Amino acid sequence: MSWFKDGDKKYCLFFHSVMKKRTNASAIQKLVYNGQNLDDPSQIEKHILDFYTNLYADNAQANCSVLEMQHFVSKCIPSLVTEDENQKLIQCLGKEEIMCCV
């Protein structure tokens, strides 16, 4: 606990050294894909980004269309407001309403 007694400067150095160790320990140093070693950080980053972009793009297209999603939402999620209430909620505020709030 000497870092606590010695003040902010030593605490700051201690904190940053701990965070640097954690960052280095959790970093991906090497990735093996199809028998090929990727050890360049930019290659690893590109591969991971491409992998998840393709994964989620393919799943979204394969699993459902927009109409299927709208049907799912209307069927499974109850409507808590009427159409009239919804129109009132989305309409623009008038100058009087704004001035009343300000």
C-alpha atoms as a PDB file:
ATOM      1  CA  MET A   1       0.000   0.000   0.000  1.00  0.00           C
ATOM      2  CA  SER A   2       3.008   2.324  -0.259  1.00  0.00           C
ATOM      3  CA  TRP A   3       1.637   3.684  -3.565  1.00  0.00           C
ATOM      4  CA  PHE A   4      -1.387   4.900  -1.598  1.00  0.00           C
ATOM      5  CA  LYS A   5       0.739   6.693   0.996  1.00  0.00           C
ATOM      6  CA  ASP A   6       3.125   8.302  -1.495  1.00  0.00           C
ATOM      7  CA  GLY A   7       0.452  10.233  -3.340  1.00  0.00           C
ATOM      8  CA  ASP A   8      -1.192  10.563  -6.739  1.00  0.00           C
ATOM      9  CA  LYS A   9       1.947  10.379  -8.877  1.00  0.00           C
ATOM     10  CA  LYS A  10       2.927   6.926  -7.688  1.00  0.00           C
ATOM     11  CA  TYR A  11      -0.702   5.788  -7.755  1.00  0.00           C
ATOM     12  CA  CYS A  12      -0.997   6.962 -11.348  1.00  0.00           C
ATOM     13  CA  LEU A  13       2.165   5.067 -12.332  1.00  0.00           C
ATOM     14  CA  PHE A  14       0.936   1.971 -10.505  1.00  0.00           C
ATOM     15  CA  PHE A  15      -2.495   2.153 -12.143  1.00  0.00           C
ATOM     16  CA  HIS A  16      -1.057   2.576 -15.636  1.00  0.00           C
ATOM     17  CA  SER A  17       1.407  -0.288 -15.200  1.00  0.00           C
ATOM     18  CA  VAL A  18      -1.414  -2.613 -14.085  1.00  0.00           C
ATOM     19  CA  MET A  19      -3.588  -1.577 -17.030  1.00  0.00           C
ATOM     20  CA  LYS A  20      -0.704  -2.022 -19.483  1.00  0.00           C
ATOM     21  CA  LYS A  21      -0.106  -5.563 -18.193  1.00  0.00           C
ATOM     22  CA  ARG A  22      -3.810  -6.391 -18.537  1.00  0.00           C
ATOM     23  CA  THR A  23      -3.953  -4.976 -22.049  1.00  0.00           C
ATOM     24  CA  ASN A  24      -0.891  -6.924 -23.151  1.00  0.00           C
ATOM     25  CA  ALA A  25      -2.180 -10.128 -21.553  1.00  0.00           C
ATOM     26  CA  SER A  26      -5.565  -9.906 -23.271  1.00  0.00           C
ATOM     27  CA  ALA A  27      -4.274  -8.921 -26.718  1.00  0.00           C
ATOM     28  CA  ILE A  28      -4.417 -11.446 -29.554  1.00  0.00           C
ATOM     29  CA  GLN A  29      -0.798 -11.989 -30.571  1.00  0.00           C
ATOM     30  CA  LYS A  30      -1.361 -14.660 -33.211  1.00  0.00           C
ATOM     31  CA  LEU A  31      -4.331 -16.194 -34.980  1.00  0.00           C
ATOM     32  CA  VAL A  32      -4.319 -19.434 -36.971  1.00  0.00           C
ATOM     33  CA  TYR A  33      -6.880 -19.535 -39.778  1.00  0.00           C
ATOM     34  CA  ASN A  34      -7.042 -22.383 -42.305  1.00  0.00           C
ATOM     35  CA  GLY A  35      -3.543 -23.448 -41.297  1.00  0.00           C
ATOM     36  CA  GLN A  36      -2.173 -19.967 -41.953  1.00  0.00           C
ATOM     37  CA  ASN A  37      -0.571 -17.965 -39.144  1.00  0.00           C
ATOM     38  CA  LEU A  38      -1.709 -14.366 -38.851  1.00  0.00           C
ATOM     39  CA  ASP A  39       0.633 -12.434 -36.568  1.00  0.00           C
ATOM     40  CA  ASP A  40       0.429  -8.921 -37.982  1.00  0.00           C
ATOM     41  CA  PRO A  41      -2.049  -6.896 -35.845  1.00  0.00           C
ATOM     42  CA  SER A  42      -3.618  -5.303 -38.938  1.00  0.00           C
ATOM     43  CA  GLN A  43      -4.173  -8.760 -40.531  1.00  0.00           C
ATOM     44  CA  ILE A  44      -5.714 -10.075 -37.325  1.00  0.00           C
ATOM     45  CA  GLU A  45      -7.960  -7.026 -37.032  1.00  0.00           C
ATOM     46  CA  LYS A  46      -9.103  -7.320 -40.669  1.00  0.00           C
ATOM     47  CA  HIS A  47      -9.794 -11.048 -40.355  1.00  0.00           C
ATOM     48  CA  ILE A  48     -11.868 -10.635 -37.168  1.00  0.00           C
ATOM     49  CA  LEU A  49     -13.803  -7.703 -38.611  1.00  0.00           C
ATOM     50  CA  ASP A  50     -14.515  -9.577 -41.859  1.00  0.00           C
ATOM     51  CA  PHE A  51     -15.515 -12.726 -39.987  1.00  0.00           C
ATOM     52  CA  TYR A  52     -18.136 -11.014 -37.806  1.00  0.00           C
ATOM     53  CA  THR A  53     -19.363  -8.722 -40.584  1.00  0.00           C
ATOM     54  CA  ASN A  54     -20.038 -11.745 -42.796  1.00  0.00           C
ATOM     55  CA  LEU A  55     -21.476 -13.766 -39.934  1.00  0.00           C
ATOM     56  CA  TYR A  56     -24.083 -11.185 -38.978  1.00  0.00           C
ATOM     57  CA  ALA A  57     -24.840 -10.059 -42.535  1.00  0.00           C
ATOM     58  CA  ASP A  58     -25.417 -13.657 -43.674  1.00  0.00           C
ATOM     59  CA  ASN A  59     -27.563 -14.490 -40.639  1.00  0.00           C
ATOM     60  CA  ALA A  60     -29.719 -11.407 -41.048  1.00  0.00           C
ATOM     61  CA  GLN A  61     -30.391 -12.186 -44.703  1.00  0.00           C
ATOM     62  CA  ALA A  62     -30.858 -15.920 -44.206  1.00  0.00           C
ATOM     63  CA  ASN A  63     -33.070 -15.792 -41.139  1.00  0.00           C
ATOM     64  CA  CYS A  64     -35.790 -13.358 -42.064  1.00  0.00           C
ATOM     65  CA  SER A  65     -36.986 -10.663 -44.364  1.00  0.00           C
ATOM     66  CA  VAL A  66     -38.282  -7.270 -43.271  1.00  0.00           C
ATOM     67  CA  LEU A  67     -41.895  -8.398 -43.709  1.00  0.00           C
ATOM     68  CA  GLU A  68     -41.289 -11.490 -41.588  1.00  0.00           C
ATOM     69  CA  MET A  69     -39.730  -9.319 -38.889  1.00  0.00           C
ATOM     70  CA  GLN A  70     -42.682  -6.888 -38.939  1.00  0.00           C
ATOM     71  CA  HIS A  71     -45.083  -9.828 -38.639  1.00  0.00           C
ATOM     72  CA  PHE A  72     -43.076 -11.229 -35.724  1.00  0.00           C
ATOM     73  CA  VAL A  73     -43.055  -7.873 -33.934  1.00  0.00           C
ATOM     74  CA  SER A  74     -46.782  -7.270 -34.415  1.00  0.00           C
ATOM     75  CA  LYS A  75     -47.616 -10.816 -33.318  1.00  0.00           C
ATOM     76  CA  CYS A  76     -45.306 -11.161 -30.318  1.00  0.00           C
ATOM     77  CA  ILE A  77     -45.025  -7.653 -28.922  1.00  0.00           C
ATOM     78  CA  PRO A  78     -48.259  -6.223 -27.603  1.00  0.00           C
ATOM     79  CA  SER A  79     -49.352  -2.768 -28.684  1.00  0.00           C
ATOM     80  CA  LEU A  80     -49.435  -0.528 -25.642  1.00  0.00           C
ATOM     81  CA  VAL A  81     -50.745   2.588 -27.391  1.00  0.00           C
ATOM     82  CA  THR A  82     -53.551   3.071 -29.841  1.00  0.00           C
ATOM     83  CA  GLU A  83     -52.976   4.443 -33.331  1.00  0.00           C
ATOM     84  CA  ASP A  84     -54.452   7.774 -32.174  1.00  0.00           C
ATOM     85  CA  GLU A  85     -52.063   7.952 -29.213  1.00  0.00           C
ATOM     86  CA  ASN A  86     -49.153   7.039 -31.470  1.00  0.00           C
ATOM     87  CA  GLN A  87     -49.959   9.905 -33.866  1.00  0.00           C
ATOM     88  CA  LYS A  88     -50.026  12.342 -30.939  1.00  0.00           C
ATOM     89  CA  LEU A  89     -46.662  11.025 -29.705  1.00  0.00           C
ATOM     90  CA  ILE A  90     -44.906  11.464 -33.043  1.00  0.00           C
ATOM     91  CA  GLN A  91     -46.335  14.839 -34.067  1.00  0.00           C
ATOM     92  CA  CYS A  92     -44.153  17.938 -33.889  1.00  0.00           C
ATOM     93  CA  LEU A  93     -44.479  20.161 -30.852  1.00  0.00           C
ATOM     94  CA  GLY A  94     -46.096  23.530 -31.229  1.00  0.00           C
ATOM     95  CA  LYS A  95     -44.427  26.790 -30.189  1.00  0.00           C
ATOM     96  CA  GLU A  96     -46.756  27.092 -27.174  1.00  0.00           C
ATOM     97  CA  GLU A  97     -45.794  23.630 -25.893  1.00  0.00           C
ATOM     98  CA  ILE A  98     -42.100  24.402 -26.249  1.00  0.00           C
ATOM     99  CA  MET A  99     -42.428  27.780 -24.483  1.00  0.00           C
ATOM    100  CA  CYS A 100     -44.401  26.128 -21.682  1.00  0.00           C
ATOM    101  CA  CYS A 101     -41.539  23.693 -21.034  1.00  0.00           C
ATOM    102  CA  VAL A 102     -38.784  26.306 -21.229  1.00  0.00           C
END
